[in-house]
C-alpha cells in the first residue's frame, strides 16, 4: 500500500481567540490592550474562566485607558465576548495581591490563572 504525500500542503493559519490571547498573557505575565464597552483599556490579566452563569470572564487589574465609572486603576471582571481588538501591551506588569487572588474563587472553572 503506497501512501500519498502532498508536498504542496500548507496548514491553515489558526487565529488566536480572545481567550487564547488572555491565557497566553497570563502565562507570560503581560498586559493587554483592548476595547471594552466603548473605552480603550490597558489591563493586567490574572485569571480567565467560566462563571456560574456560564460566561467566560477575565479577571484583571485595569492600569490605563477609560471606563464608564471614571475609575481606571481597579480590579475588574471583563466578559470575554465583549472584548474587541485584544493585543499584547508593553505596559508594566502589576503583580496581583492576595486580595486580588481571593476574587478568583468567583469563577466556577478556571482556564488559566497566575
N, C-alpha and C. Protein backbone atom coordinates (compact mmCIF):
# COMPACT_ATOMS: atom_id res chain seq x y z
N UNK A 1 0.85 -1.17 0.00
CA UNK A 1 0.00 0.00 0.00
C UNK A 1 0.90 1.24 0.00
N UNK A 2 0.70 2.10 -0.95
CA UNK A 2 1.51 3.32 -1.02
C UNK A 2 0.79 4.46 -0.33
N UNK A 3 1.57 5.30 0.30
CA UNK A 3 0.99 6.47 0.96
C UNK A 3 1.06 7.66 0.02
N UNK A 4 0.08 8.50 0.09
CA UNK A 4 0.05 9.69 -0.74
C UNK A 4 0.55 10.85 0.10
N UNK A 5 1.52 11.55 -0.42
CA UNK A 5 2.07 12.71 0.28
C UNK A 5 2.00 13.91 -0.64
N UNK A 6 1.36 14.93 -0.19
CA UNK A 6 1.23 16.16 -0.98
C UNK A 6 2.23 17.17 -0.44
N UNK A 7 3.31 17.39 -1.17
CA UNK A 7 4.36 18.31 -0.73
C UNK A 7 3.91 19.77 -0.78
N UNK A 8 2.79 20.03 -1.42
CA UNK A 8 2.31 21.42 -1.52
C UNK A 8 1.35 21.78 -0.38
N UNK A 9 1.02 20.80 0.45
CA UNK A 9 0.08 21.06 1.54
C UNK A 9 0.65 22.09 2.51
N UNK A 10 -0.14 23.06 2.85
CA UNK A 10 0.22 24.07 3.84
C UNK A 10 -0.92 24.17 4.84
N UNK A 11 -0.63 23.95 6.12
CA UNK A 11 -1.72 24.04 7.10
C UNK A 11 -2.28 25.45 7.17
N UNK A 12 -3.55 25.52 7.45
CA UNK A 12 -4.19 26.83 7.63
C UNK A 12 -3.61 27.53 8.83
N UNK A 13 -3.55 28.82 8.74
CA UNK A 13 -3.12 29.62 9.90
C UNK A 13 -4.29 29.65 10.87
N UNK A 14 -4.02 29.29 12.09
CA UNK A 14 -5.08 29.29 13.10
C UNK A 14 -4.99 30.59 13.89
N UNK A 15 -6.06 31.34 13.87
CA UNK A 15 -6.10 32.62 14.58
C UNK A 15 -6.26 32.37 16.08
N UNK A 16 -5.56 33.16 16.86
CA UNK A 16 -5.74 33.07 18.31
C UNK A 16 -7.07 33.72 18.67
N UNK A 17 -7.81 33.07 19.52
CA UNK A 17 -9.05 33.66 20.00
C UNK A 17 -8.73 34.63 21.13
N UNK A 18 -9.72 35.39 21.51
CA UNK A 18 -9.55 36.31 22.64
C UNK A 18 -9.12 35.54 23.89
N UNK A 19 -9.75 34.40 24.14
CA UNK A 19 -9.42 33.61 25.33
C UNK A 19 -8.00 33.07 25.24
N UNK A 20 -7.57 32.63 24.04
CA UNK A 20 -6.19 32.17 23.86
C UNK A 20 -5.20 33.29 24.19
N UNK A 21 -5.50 34.49 23.70
CA UNK A 21 -4.61 35.63 23.93
C UNK A 21 -4.55 35.97 25.42
N UNK A 22 -5.70 35.95 26.08
CA UNK A 22 -5.74 36.21 27.53
C UNK A 22 -4.90 35.17 28.26
N UNK A 23 -5.10 33.89 27.93
CA UNK A 23 -4.36 32.81 28.60
C UNK A 23 -2.86 32.96 28.40
N UNK A 24 -2.44 33.30 27.18
CA UNK A 24 -1.01 33.49 26.92
C UNK A 24 -0.47 34.67 27.72
N UNK A 25 -1.22 35.76 27.78
CA UNK A 25 -0.78 36.93 28.55
C UNK A 25 -0.64 36.59 30.03
N UNK A 26 -1.55 35.79 30.55
CA UNK A 26 -1.47 35.37 31.96
C UNK A 26 -0.20 34.55 32.17
N UNK A 27 0.04 33.57 31.29
CA UNK A 27 1.23 32.72 31.42
C UNK A 27 2.52 33.52 31.35
N UNK A 28 2.54 34.51 30.44
CA UNK A 28 3.76 35.28 30.20
C UNK A 28 3.84 36.57 31.03
N UNK A 29 2.83 36.79 31.87
CA UNK A 29 2.75 38.00 32.71
C UNK A 29 2.91 39.26 31.87
N UNK A 30 2.02 39.38 30.88
CA UNK A 30 2.00 40.55 30.01
C UNK A 30 0.67 41.27 30.14
N UNK A 31 0.71 42.58 29.99
CA UNK A 31 -0.52 43.37 29.97
C UNK A 31 -1.18 43.25 28.60
N UNK A 32 -2.47 43.56 28.56
CA UNK A 32 -3.23 43.55 27.32
C UNK A 32 -3.85 44.92 27.08
N UNK A 33 -4.10 45.25 25.82
CA UNK A 33 -4.88 46.44 25.49
C UNK A 33 -6.02 45.98 24.58
N UNK A 34 -7.18 46.58 24.78
CA UNK A 34 -8.36 46.20 24.02
C UNK A 34 -9.46 47.23 24.20
N UNK A 35 -10.48 47.13 23.36
CA UNK A 35 -11.67 47.97 23.50
C UNK A 35 -12.71 47.18 24.29
N UNK A 36 -13.40 47.88 25.19
CA UNK A 36 -14.41 47.22 26.02
C UNK A 36 -15.45 48.24 26.43
N UNK A 37 -16.68 48.01 26.04
CA UNK A 37 -17.81 48.87 26.39
C UNK A 37 -17.53 50.35 26.11
N UNK A 38 -16.98 50.61 24.92
CA UNK A 38 -16.80 51.98 24.47
C UNK A 38 -15.52 52.67 24.90
N UNK A 39 -14.63 51.96 25.58
CA UNK A 39 -13.37 52.55 26.04
C UNK A 39 -12.18 51.67 25.68
N UNK A 40 -11.08 52.30 25.32
CA UNK A 40 -9.81 51.59 25.18
C UNK A 40 -9.29 51.36 26.60
N UNK A 41 -8.77 50.17 26.84
CA UNK A 41 -8.30 49.84 28.19
C UNK A 41 -6.95 49.13 28.12
N UNK A 42 -6.19 49.29 29.18
CA UNK A 42 -4.94 48.54 29.36
C UNK A 42 -5.12 47.78 30.67
N UNK A 43 -4.98 46.45 30.59
CA UNK A 43 -5.32 45.59 31.72
C UNK A 43 -4.25 44.52 31.91
N UNK A 44 -3.92 44.24 33.16
CA UNK A 44 -3.06 43.12 33.51
C UNK A 44 -3.98 41.96 33.88
N UNK A 45 -4.02 40.90 33.06
CA UNK A 45 -4.92 39.78 33.33
C UNK A 45 -4.35 38.83 34.39
N UNK A 46 -5.21 38.38 35.29
CA UNK A 46 -4.79 37.48 36.36
C UNK A 46 -5.43 36.10 36.25
N UNK A 47 -6.65 36.03 35.76
CA UNK A 47 -7.35 34.75 35.64
C UNK A 47 -8.39 34.84 34.54
N UNK A 48 -8.71 33.68 33.98
CA UNK A 48 -9.75 33.60 32.96
C UNK A 48 -10.49 32.29 33.19
N UNK A 49 -11.81 32.35 33.19
CA UNK A 49 -12.56 31.14 33.42
C UNK A 49 -14.05 31.33 33.23
N UNK A 50 -14.77 30.32 33.64
CA UNK A 50 -16.21 30.26 33.48
C UNK A 50 -16.89 30.68 34.78
N UNK A 51 -17.91 31.52 34.65
CA UNK A 51 -18.68 31.94 35.82
C UNK A 51 -19.80 30.94 36.07
N UNK A 52 -20.45 31.01 37.23
CA UNK A 52 -21.59 30.14 37.49
C UNK A 52 -22.74 30.34 36.49
N UNK A 53 -22.77 31.48 35.79
CA UNK A 53 -23.81 31.73 34.77
C UNK A 53 -23.31 31.37 33.36
N UNK A 54 -22.22 30.60 33.28
CA UNK A 54 -21.66 30.10 32.02
C UNK A 54 -21.15 31.18 31.08
N UNK A 55 -20.62 32.26 31.62
CA UNK A 55 -19.96 33.28 30.81
C UNK A 55 -18.46 33.13 31.01
N UNK A 56 -17.70 33.33 29.94
CA UNK A 56 -16.25 33.33 30.07
C UNK A 56 -15.83 34.74 30.45
N UNK A 57 -15.16 34.85 31.59
CA UNK A 57 -14.73 36.16 32.09
C UNK A 57 -13.24 36.16 32.37
N UNK A 58 -12.66 37.34 32.23
CA UNK A 58 -11.28 37.57 32.62
C UNK A 58 -11.31 38.44 33.87
N UNK A 59 -10.47 38.11 34.83
CA UNK A 59 -10.28 38.97 35.99
C UNK A 59 -8.93 39.65 35.78
N UNK A 60 -8.94 40.97 35.80
CA UNK A 60 -7.70 41.70 35.57
C UNK A 60 -7.72 43.05 36.23
N UNK A 61 -6.54 43.61 36.40
CA UNK A 61 -6.40 44.92 37.01
C UNK A 61 -6.19 45.94 35.90
N UNK A 62 -7.13 46.88 35.78
CA UNK A 62 -7.01 47.92 34.77
C UNK A 62 -5.96 48.93 35.22
N UNK A 63 -4.98 49.17 34.34
CA UNK A 63 -3.91 50.11 34.67
C UNK A 63 -3.92 51.34 33.78
N UNK A 64 -4.78 51.35 32.77
CA UNK A 64 -4.83 52.51 31.88
C UNK A 64 -6.07 52.49 31.02
N UNK A 65 -6.30 53.60 30.33
CA UNK A 65 -7.47 53.72 29.47
C UNK A 65 -8.63 54.35 30.21
N UNK A 66 -9.82 54.14 29.70
CA UNK A 66 -11.01 54.76 30.28
C UNK A 66 -11.99 53.74 30.83
N UNK A 67 -13.05 54.25 31.46
CA UNK A 67 -14.13 53.39 31.96
C UNK A 67 -15.37 54.24 32.18
N UNK A 68 -16.51 53.60 32.23
CA UNK A 68 -17.77 54.31 32.47
C UNK A 68 -17.76 55.03 33.82
N UNK A 69 -17.14 54.42 34.82
CA UNK A 69 -17.14 55.00 36.17
C UNK A 69 -16.12 56.12 36.33
N UNK A 70 -15.16 56.18 35.40
CA UNK A 70 -14.09 57.16 35.53
C UNK A 70 -12.91 56.64 36.34
N UNK A 71 -13.10 55.52 37.03
CA UNK A 71 -12.03 54.90 37.82
C UNK A 71 -11.27 53.96 36.88
N UNK A 72 -9.96 54.15 36.78
CA UNK A 72 -9.21 53.27 35.88
C UNK A 72 -8.37 52.24 36.60
N UNK A 73 -7.77 52.56 37.71
CA UNK A 73 -6.91 51.59 38.38
C UNK A 73 -7.73 50.78 39.38
N UNK A 74 -8.19 49.63 38.87
CA UNK A 74 -9.12 48.83 39.66
C UNK A 74 -9.15 47.40 39.14
N UNK A 75 -9.36 46.43 40.05
CA UNK A 75 -9.58 45.05 39.66
C UNK A 75 -11.00 44.93 39.11
N UNK A 76 -11.13 44.30 37.94
CA UNK A 76 -12.44 44.20 37.29
C UNK A 76 -12.62 42.83 36.65
N UNK A 77 -13.89 42.50 36.41
CA UNK A 77 -14.26 41.35 35.60
C UNK A 77 -14.56 41.87 34.20
N UNK A 78 -14.10 41.15 33.18
CA UNK A 78 -14.37 41.50 31.79
C UNK A 78 -14.98 40.29 31.10
N UNK A 79 -16.12 40.46 30.44
CA UNK A 79 -16.75 39.39 29.68
C UNK A 79 -15.96 39.21 28.39
N UNK A 80 -15.42 38.01 28.16
CA UNK A 80 -14.55 37.77 27.00
C UNK A 80 -15.25 38.11 25.68
N UNK A 81 -16.53 37.82 25.57
CA UNK A 81 -17.27 38.08 24.33
C UNK A 81 -17.38 39.57 24.02
N UNK A 82 -17.20 40.43 25.01
CA UNK A 82 -17.31 41.88 24.81
C UNK A 82 -15.95 42.55 24.57
N UNK A 83 -14.88 41.79 24.63
CA UNK A 83 -13.53 42.34 24.40
C UNK A 83 -13.27 42.37 22.90
N UNK A 84 -12.83 43.52 22.39
CA UNK A 84 -12.55 43.66 20.96
C UNK A 84 -11.12 44.14 20.73
N UNK A 85 -10.50 43.59 19.69
CA UNK A 85 -9.17 44.06 19.30
C UNK A 85 -8.09 43.81 20.32
N UNK A 86 -8.13 42.68 20.99
CA UNK A 86 -7.16 42.41 22.05
C UNK A 86 -5.75 42.23 21.47
N UNK A 87 -4.77 42.83 22.15
CA UNK A 87 -3.37 42.73 21.74
C UNK A 87 -2.48 42.86 22.97
N UNK A 88 -1.28 42.32 22.87
CA UNK A 88 -0.33 42.45 23.96
C UNK A 88 0.13 43.90 24.07
N UNK A 89 0.37 44.34 25.29
CA UNK A 89 0.79 45.71 25.56
C UNK A 89 2.19 45.71 26.16
N UNK A 90 2.91 46.79 25.95
CA UNK A 90 4.23 46.96 26.56
C UNK A 90 4.14 47.58 27.95
N UNK A 91 2.93 47.81 28.44
CA UNK A 91 2.74 48.42 29.75
C UNK A 91 3.36 47.54 30.84
N UNK A 92 3.78 48.18 31.90
CA UNK A 92 4.41 47.46 33.02
C UNK A 92 3.41 46.50 33.66
N UNK A 93 3.91 45.34 34.06
CA UNK A 93 3.08 44.32 34.71
C UNK A 93 2.90 44.66 36.18
N UNK A 94 1.70 44.52 36.68
CA UNK A 94 1.39 44.74 38.09
C UNK A 94 1.11 43.39 38.73
N UNK A 95 1.85 43.04 39.75
CA UNK A 95 1.64 41.77 40.44
C UNK A 95 0.31 41.79 41.18
N UNK A 96 -0.35 40.64 41.23
CA UNK A 96 -1.62 40.51 41.95
C UNK A 96 -1.36 40.44 43.45
N UNK A 97 -2.24 41.05 44.21
CA UNK A 97 -2.18 40.96 45.67
C UNK A 97 -2.96 39.71 46.10
N UNK A 98 -2.82 39.34 47.35
CA UNK A 98 -3.61 38.21 47.88
C UNK A 98 -5.10 38.55 47.81
N UNK A 99 -5.43 39.81 48.03
CA UNK A 99 -6.82 40.25 47.93
C UNK A 99 -7.34 40.07 46.50
N UNK A 100 -6.51 40.39 45.51
CA UNK A 100 -6.88 40.17 44.10
C UNK A 100 -7.13 38.68 43.85
N UNK A 101 -6.22 37.84 44.31
CA UNK A 101 -6.31 36.39 44.07
C UNK A 101 -7.54 35.78 44.72
N UNK A 102 -8.00 36.33 45.83
CA UNK A 102 -9.19 35.81 46.51
C UNK A 102 -10.43 35.89 45.63
N UNK A 103 -10.44 36.82 44.69
CA UNK A 103 -11.59 37.01 43.80
C UNK A 103 -11.71 35.86 42.80
N UNK A 104 -10.61 35.13 42.53
CA UNK A 104 -10.66 34.03 41.58
C UNK A 104 -11.70 32.99 41.97
N UNK A 105 -12.01 32.88 43.25
CA UNK A 105 -12.98 31.90 43.74
C UNK A 105 -14.37 32.13 43.16
N UNK A 106 -14.61 33.31 42.59
CA UNK A 106 -15.91 33.60 41.99
C UNK A 106 -16.08 32.93 40.63
N UNK A 107 -15.00 32.36 40.09
CA UNK A 107 -15.09 31.60 38.85
C UNK A 107 -15.37 30.14 39.20
N UNK A 108 -16.31 29.52 38.49
CA UNK A 108 -16.64 28.12 38.77
C UNK A 108 -15.65 27.16 38.13
N UNK A 109 -15.01 27.59 37.03
CA UNK A 109 -13.97 26.80 36.38
C UNK A 109 -12.91 27.78 35.88
N UNK A 110 -11.67 27.53 36.24
CA UNK A 110 -10.58 28.42 35.83
C UNK A 110 -9.82 27.78 34.67
N UNK A 111 -9.70 28.52 33.57
CA UNK A 111 -8.94 28.06 32.40
C UNK A 111 -7.45 28.38 32.56
N UNK A 112 -7.16 29.56 33.09
CA UNK A 112 -5.77 29.97 33.30
C UNK A 112 -5.75 30.99 34.43
N UNK A 113 -4.70 30.93 35.25
CA UNK A 113 -4.53 31.91 36.33
C UNK A 113 -3.05 32.08 36.60
N UNK A 114 -2.72 33.20 37.27
CA UNK A 114 -1.31 33.46 37.59
C UNK A 114 -0.85 32.49 38.65
